[in-house]
Amino acid sequence: MKEKVTLSIEKEVYKKFRKYCDDNAIMLSKKIELIMKRIMDEENGGKK
């Protein structure tokens, strides 16, 4: 199940990341989710 969240992000960071996602045909929310999972995996030594 998906969770809707509200985030506060620096405007220029958001604009640049949004453009990156648009240019690469990536859903912004999915990319953030993948980054979050990667960080958690690294922190847990690869454990899920």
C-alpha atoms as a PDB file:
ATOM      1  CA  MET A   1       0.000   0.000   0.000  1.00  0.00           C
ATOM      2  CA  LYS A   2       1.275   3.470  -0.852  1.00  0.00           C
ATOM      3  CA  GLU A   3       1.524   6.233   1.744  1.00  0.00           C
ATOM      4  CA  LYS A   4       1.012   9.867   0.755  1.00  0.00           C
ATOM      5  CA  VAL A   5       3.502  12.208   2.405  1.00  0.00           C
ATOM      6  CA  THR A   6       4.267  15.903   2.411  1.00  0.00           C
ATOM      7  CA  LEU A   7       7.901  16.981   2.273  1.00  0.00           C
ATOM      8  CA  SER A   8       9.629  20.347   2.510  1.00  0.00           C
ATOM      9  CA  ILE A   9      12.526  20.515   0.057  1.00  0.00           C
ATOM     10  CA  GLU A  10      14.630  23.455  -1.088  1.00  0.00           C
ATOM     11  CA  LYS A  11      12.943  24.888  -4.176  1.00  0.00           C
ATOM     12  CA  GLU A  12      16.002  24.749  -6.459  1.00  0.00           C
ATOM     13  CA  VAL A  13      16.867  21.201  -5.384  1.00  0.00           C
ATOM     14  CA  TYR A  14      13.304  20.107  -6.122  1.00  0.00           C
ATOM     15  CA  LYS A  15      13.230  21.855  -9.507  1.00  0.00           C
ATOM     16  CA  LYS A  16      16.529  20.313 -10.600  1.00  0.00           C
ATOM     17  CA  PHE A  17      15.568  16.827  -9.396  1.00  0.00           C
ATOM     18  CA  ARG A  18      12.147  17.121 -11.021  1.00  0.00           C
ATOM     19  CA  LYS A  19      13.824  18.043 -14.323  1.00  0.00           C
ATOM     20  CA  TYR A  20      16.243  15.124 -13.940  1.00  0.00           C
ATOM     21  CA  CYS A  21      13.316  12.748 -13.450  1.00  0.00           C
ATOM     22  CA  ASP A  22      11.365  14.243 -16.361  1.00  0.00           C
ATOM     23  CA  ASP A  23      14.394  14.097 -18.669  1.00  0.00           C
ATOM     24  CA  ASN A  24      14.983  10.448 -17.773  1.00  0.00           C
ATOM     25  CA  ALA A  25      11.326   9.337 -17.812  1.00  0.00           C
ATOM     26  CA  ILE A  26      11.411   8.511 -14.099  1.00  0.00           C
ATOM     27  CA  MET A  27       8.560   9.012 -11.650  1.00  0.00           C
ATOM     28  CA  LEU A  28       9.904  11.345  -8.961  1.00  0.00           C
ATOM     29  CA  SER A  29       8.177   9.454  -6.147  1.00  0.00           C
ATOM     30  CA  LYS A  30       9.508   6.087  -7.344  1.00  0.00           C
ATOM     31  CA  LYS A  31      13.059   7.452  -7.567  1.00  0.00           C
ATOM     32  CA  ILE A  32      12.851   8.805  -4.010  1.00  0.00           C
ATOM     33  CA  GLU A  33      11.483   5.446  -2.835  1.00  0.00           C
ATOM     34  CA  LEU A  34      14.412   3.611  -4.467  1.00  0.00           C
ATOM     35  CA  ILE A  35      16.914   6.017  -2.878  1.00  0.00           C
ATOM     36  CA  MET A  36      15.306   5.458   0.533  1.00  0.00           C
ATOM     37  CA  LYS A  37      15.489   1.667   0.113  1.00  0.00           C
ATOM     38  CA  ARG A  38      19.146   1.858  -0.958  1.00  0.00           C
ATOM     39  CA  ILE A  39      20.040   3.941   2.110  1.00  0.00           C
ATOM     40  CA  MET A  40      18.247   1.499   4.418  1.00  0.00           C
ATOM     41  CA  ASP A  41      19.966  -1.483   2.767  1.00  0.00           C
ATOM     42  CA  GLU A  42      23.376   0.180   3.153  1.00  0.00           C
ATOM     43  CA  GLU A  43      22.676   1.030   6.796  1.00  0.00           C
ATOM     44  CA  ASN A  44      21.596  -2.545   7.526  1.00  0.00           C
ATOM     45  CA  GLY A  45      24.519  -4.171   5.732  1.00  0.00           C
ATOM     46  CA  GLY A  46      22.269  -5.429   2.951  1.00  0.00           C
ATOM     47  CA  LYS A  47      19.676  -6.901   5.338  1.00  0.00           C
ATOM     48  CA  LYS A  48      16.034  -6.288   4.462  1.00  0.00           C
END
